[in-house]
Amino acid sequence: MPEIDDSFVPVADARPGDVPWPPLTWPPQPGVVVTTGRVVELVPADPARDAEALFAALDDERVWQHVKGRPDTAQAYAVTLDRNRAAGALPWLVRLRVPCAGLPAGTVVGTSSYLDVSVPDARLEIGSTAYTPAVWGTAVNPDTKLALLAQAFDVLGAGRVQLKTDVRNVRSQRAIARLGARYEGILRRYQRRADGTVRDTVMFSILAEDWPQVRARIHRTLEPYS
């Protein structure tokens, strides 16, 4: 019999006075358009309508370095979008509302999704995020995340939004941390990469209690783009 490690200190309940929380309102209202009024506009991605534009925007090896499932054609990408929606995800098309990084307004620059939705637990994940490299390091990601977080907390009633990334994707880890998300730890040997190796996954979260401070932080980030 293995020895019991008595040195472990159990984690204390961070919310001992917790009260019941209502289920998540899901799915979002049909036809909803999420905008932030600054740099990007988000609309639910339609595989038949949007796969070609998304494929063109993301057809760069750098985009898929830490993301598996790179499609070979726009048709293959449409199949991926359909499969993800059938699995309960909600992919969003991200396009510019104003010129950015030398690209004109109206340009499709990427995608992000709601996934791993748990209605009874009032929890969802924001993930499968990918942008054309031209907009990396610009206002596009914080603006996109502001829109998705605002809908998750203020409209859908989420109590938790989680974000996770490959431990090797340092750029993504830093981008998530800049939003104000809290680092929770490492999920070891969590998910298989495209090359067959199994990645460690870095987990972050934002709770409803964190949201006012996170929202203010992202707004400050976006002030130069007002």
Protein backbone atom coordinates (compact mmCIF):
# COMPACT_ATOMS: atom_id res chain seq x y z
CA MET A 1 0.00 0.00 0.00
CA PRO A 2 1.36 3.45 -0.87
CA GLU A 3 1.92 5.77 2.02
CA ILE A 4 -0.53 8.60 2.55
CA ASP A 5 0.99 12.02 2.04
CA ASP A 6 -0.07 13.87 5.19
CA SER A 7 1.79 17.03 4.13
CA PHE A 8 -0.96 18.07 1.72
CA VAL A 9 -3.02 21.00 3.02
CA PRO A 10 -6.62 20.78 1.77
CA VAL A 11 -7.88 23.76 -0.19
CA ALA A 12 -10.32 25.99 1.69
CA ASP A 13 -13.72 26.90 0.27
CA ALA A 14 -13.28 30.36 -1.29
CA ARG A 15 -17.04 31.02 -1.23
CA PRO A 16 -18.41 29.54 2.01
CA GLY A 17 -21.47 31.78 1.86
CA ASP A 18 -22.35 30.89 -1.72
CA VAL A 19 -25.98 31.14 -2.80
CA PRO A 20 -27.81 29.25 -5.57
CA TRP A 21 -26.93 30.44 -9.08
CA PRO A 22 -29.42 30.19 -11.98
CA PRO A 23 -28.62 28.03 -15.00
CA LEU A 24 -27.01 29.53 -18.08
CA THR A 25 -29.38 31.04 -20.63
CA TRP A 26 -28.56 29.02 -23.71
CA PRO A 27 -28.42 29.26 -26.66
CA PRO A 28 -28.12 33.00 -27.40
CA GLN A 29 -31.04 34.58 -29.19
CA PRO A 30 -31.16 33.68 -32.91
CA GLY A 31 -29.72 36.34 -35.17
CA VAL A 32 -27.81 38.05 -32.35
CA VAL A 33 -24.93 40.27 -33.40
CA VAL A 34 -22.26 41.02 -30.83
CA THR A 35 -20.42 44.32 -31.26
CA THR A 36 -18.08 46.32 -29.08
CA GLY A 37 -18.36 49.59 -30.95
CA ARG A 38 -14.59 49.86 -31.39
CA VAL A 39 -12.59 47.60 -33.69
CA VAL A 40 -14.43 44.35 -34.44
CA GLU A 41 -17.87 42.97 -35.05
CA LEU A 42 -18.82 39.39 -34.25
CA VAL A 43 -21.59 37.39 -35.88
CA PRO A 44 -22.39 33.68 -35.51
CA ALA A 45 -20.36 31.89 -38.18
CA ASP A 46 -22.36 30.26 -40.96
CA PRO A 47 -20.36 27.41 -42.55
CA ALA A 48 -21.93 27.84 -45.98
CA ARG A 49 -21.47 31.61 -45.98
CA ASP A 50 -18.26 32.16 -44.03
CA ALA A 51 -15.96 29.16 -44.50
CA GLU A 52 -14.23 30.56 -47.58
CA ALA A 53 -13.43 33.92 -45.96
CA LEU A 54 -12.27 32.28 -42.73
CA PHE A 55 -10.12 29.77 -44.58
CA ALA A 56 -8.43 32.58 -46.51
CA ALA A 57 -7.84 34.63 -43.34
CA LEU A 58 -6.32 31.72 -41.44
CA ASP A 59 -4.38 30.03 -44.25
CA ASP A 60 -1.00 30.60 -42.63
CA GLU A 61 1.24 28.03 -40.97
CA ARG A 62 1.83 30.32 -37.98
CA VAL A 63 -1.90 30.29 -37.12
CA TRP A 64 -1.94 26.51 -36.74
CA GLN A 65 1.36 26.03 -34.93
CA HIS A 66 -0.42 25.26 -31.64
CA VAL A 67 -3.88 24.42 -33.00
CA LYS A 68 -4.72 21.05 -34.51
CA GLY A 69 -7.17 20.43 -37.32
CA ARG A 70 -5.83 22.75 -40.03
CA PRO A 71 -8.20 22.40 -43.00
CA ASP A 72 -6.87 21.83 -46.52
CA THR A 73 -9.71 23.64 -48.26
CA ALA A 74 -12.58 26.01 -47.52
CA GLN A 75 -14.94 23.07 -47.93
CA ALA A 76 -13.05 21.13 -45.27
CA TYR A 77 -13.26 24.14 -42.98
CA ALA A 78 -17.03 24.29 -43.50
CA VAL A 79 -17.23 20.65 -42.41
CA THR A 80 -15.21 21.48 -39.28
CA LEU A 81 -17.52 24.38 -38.41
CA ASP A 82 -20.57 22.15 -38.89
CA ARG A 83 -19.05 19.42 -36.72
CA ASN A 84 -18.20 21.87 -33.96
CA ARG A 85 -21.72 23.32 -33.98
CA ALA A 86 -23.20 19.82 -33.84
CA ALA A 87 -21.04 19.17 -30.76
CA GLY A 88 -22.57 22.18 -29.00
CA ALA A 89 -20.03 24.89 -29.81
CA LEU A 90 -20.97 28.31 -31.15
CA PRO A 91 -18.28 29.66 -33.51
CA TRP A 92 -18.16 33.40 -34.21
CA LEU A 93 -16.87 35.22 -37.26
CA VAL A 94 -14.64 38.18 -36.37
CA ARG A 95 -14.49 41.05 -38.87
CA LEU A 96 -13.18 44.58 -38.68
CA ARG A 97 -15.55 47.47 -38.08
CA VAL A 98 -12.78 49.99 -38.69
CA PRO A 99 -9.42 49.75 -40.51
CA CYS A 100 -6.74 47.95 -38.49
CA ALA A 101 -3.19 46.81 -39.21
CA GLY A 102 -3.46 48.01 -42.79
CA LEU A 103 -6.64 46.01 -43.41
CA PRO A 104 -9.88 47.76 -44.43
CA ALA A 105 -13.14 47.73 -42.50
CA GLY A 106 -15.21 44.64 -43.29
CA THR A 107 -12.20 42.32 -43.53
CA VAL A 108 -12.70 38.90 -41.93
CA VAL A 109 -9.75 38.49 -39.57
CA GLY A 110 -10.53 35.35 -37.57
CA THR A 111 -12.80 33.39 -35.31
CA SER A 112 -13.49 32.53 -31.68
CA SER A 113 -16.04 30.19 -30.13
CA TYR A 114 -18.17 29.40 -27.14
CA LEU A 115 -17.60 25.74 -26.32
CA ASP A 116 -17.74 23.22 -23.49
CA VAL A 117 -21.05 24.80 -22.48
CA SER A 118 -22.61 23.52 -19.26
CA VAL A 119 -26.07 25.03 -18.83
CA PRO A 120 -26.80 23.69 -15.32
CA ASP A 121 -23.38 24.81 -14.08
CA ALA A 122 -23.66 28.26 -15.74
CA ARG A 123 -20.26 27.70 -17.30
CA LEU A 124 -18.74 27.97 -20.74
CA GLU A 125 -15.36 28.26 -22.41
CA ILE A 126 -14.08 30.78 -24.92
CA GLY A 127 -11.67 29.02 -27.23
CA SER A 128 -10.79 27.86 -30.75
CA THR A 129 -9.58 31.43 -31.25
CA ALA A 130 -7.49 32.15 -34.33
CA TYR A 131 -6.67 35.37 -36.18
CA THR A 132 -4.73 36.27 -39.26
CA PRO A 133 -1.18 37.16 -38.15
CA ALA A 134 -1.61 40.70 -39.49
CA VAL A 135 -3.75 41.56 -36.44
CA TRP A 136 -1.71 39.78 -33.77
CA GLY A 137 -0.82 42.20 -30.99
CA THR A 138 -3.51 44.71 -32.02
CA ALA A 139 -6.84 45.58 -30.41
CA VAL A 140 -8.59 42.72 -32.22
CA ASN A 141 -8.20 40.06 -29.52
CA PRO A 142 -9.11 42.19 -26.48
CA ASP A 143 -12.02 43.70 -28.40
CA THR A 144 -13.25 40.24 -29.40
CA LYS A 145 -12.92 38.89 -25.88
CA LEU A 146 -14.71 41.93 -24.45
CA ALA A 147 -17.69 41.24 -26.69
CA LEU A 148 -17.82 37.54 -25.86
CA LEU A 149 -17.30 38.04 -22.14
CA ALA A 150 -19.96 40.77 -21.99
CA GLN A 151 -22.52 38.50 -23.61
CA ALA A 152 -21.51 35.54 -21.43
CA PHE A 153 -21.80 37.39 -18.12
CA ASP A 154 -24.32 40.16 -18.80
CA VAL A 155 -26.73 38.37 -21.15
CA LEU A 156 -26.32 34.61 -20.71
CA GLY A 157 -25.76 34.73 -16.94
CA ALA A 158 -22.49 32.80 -16.79
CA GLY A 159 -20.87 32.31 -13.41
CA ARG A 160 -17.61 31.10 -14.93
CA VAL A 161 -15.84 31.55 -18.26
CA GLN A 162 -12.71 29.51 -18.78
CA LEU A 163 -9.89 29.89 -21.30
CA LYS A 164 -7.14 27.37 -21.89
CA THR A 165 -4.15 26.97 -24.17
CA ASP A 166 -1.17 24.76 -24.99
CA VAL A 167 1.69 25.16 -22.52
CA ARG A 168 3.94 25.75 -25.55
CA ASN A 169 1.79 28.63 -26.78
CA VAL A 170 3.45 31.39 -24.78
CA ARG A 171 1.92 34.15 -26.92
CA SER A 172 -1.59 32.89 -26.15
CA GLN A 173 -0.86 32.55 -22.42
CA ARG A 174 0.28 36.15 -22.27
CA ALA A 175 -2.74 37.37 -24.25
CA ILE A 176 -5.14 35.60 -21.88
CA ALA A 177 -3.34 36.91 -18.80
CA ARG A 178 -3.47 40.47 -20.18
CA LEU A 179 -7.26 40.23 -20.21
CA GLY A 180 -7.20 39.83 -16.44
CA ALA A 181 -8.08 36.13 -16.41
CA ARG A 182 -6.78 34.22 -13.40
CA TYR A 183 -4.25 31.45 -13.90
CA GLU A 184 -5.58 28.27 -12.28
CA GLY A 185 -2.91 25.71 -13.05
CA ILE A 186 -1.74 23.03 -15.46
CA LEU A 187 -3.83 20.13 -16.72
CA ARG A 188 -1.07 17.61 -17.33
CA ARG A 189 -1.17 15.36 -20.41
CA TYR A 190 -4.58 16.78 -21.22
CA GLN A 191 -5.03 16.86 -25.00
CA ARG A 192 -3.41 15.37 -28.09
CA ARG A 193 -1.64 17.68 -30.53
CA ALA A 194 -1.76 17.32 -34.31
CA ASP A 195 1.69 15.70 -34.29
CA GLY A 196 0.55 12.96 -31.89
CA THR A 197 2.21 14.32 -28.76
CA VAL A 198 0.01 15.01 -25.74
CA ARG A 199 0.09 18.55 -24.48
CA ASP A 200 -0.06 20.03 -21.04
CA THR A 201 -2.84 22.63 -20.96
CA VAL A 202 -2.70 25.95 -19.12
CA MET A 203 -6.05 26.84 -17.55
CA PHE A 204 -7.37 30.34 -16.84
CA SER A 205 -10.78 31.52 -15.66
CA ILE A 206 -12.88 34.61 -15.10
CA LEU A 207 -15.73 34.43 -12.59
CA ALA A 208 -18.80 36.61 -12.41
CA GLU A 209 -17.25 38.24 -9.33
CA ASP A 210 -14.14 39.11 -11.40
CA TRP A 211 -16.01 40.45 -14.39
CA PRO A 212 -16.36 44.15 -13.38
CA GLN A 213 -12.61 44.46 -12.84
CA VAL A 214 -11.79 42.51 -16.01
CA ARG A 215 -14.20 44.62 -18.07
CA ALA A 216 -12.62 47.83 -16.77
CA ARG A 217 -9.14 46.48 -17.51
CA ILE A 218 -10.02 45.62 -21.12
CA HIS A 219 -11.69 48.99 -21.62
CA ARG A 220 -8.47 50.68 -20.51
CA THR A 221 -6.55 48.56 -23.03
CA LEU A 222 -8.91 49.74 -25.77
CA GLU A 223 -8.93 53.44 -24.86
CA PRO A 224 -6.45 54.37 -27.63
CA TYR A 225 -8.91 52.95 -30.16
CA SER A 226 -11.97 54.95 -29.06
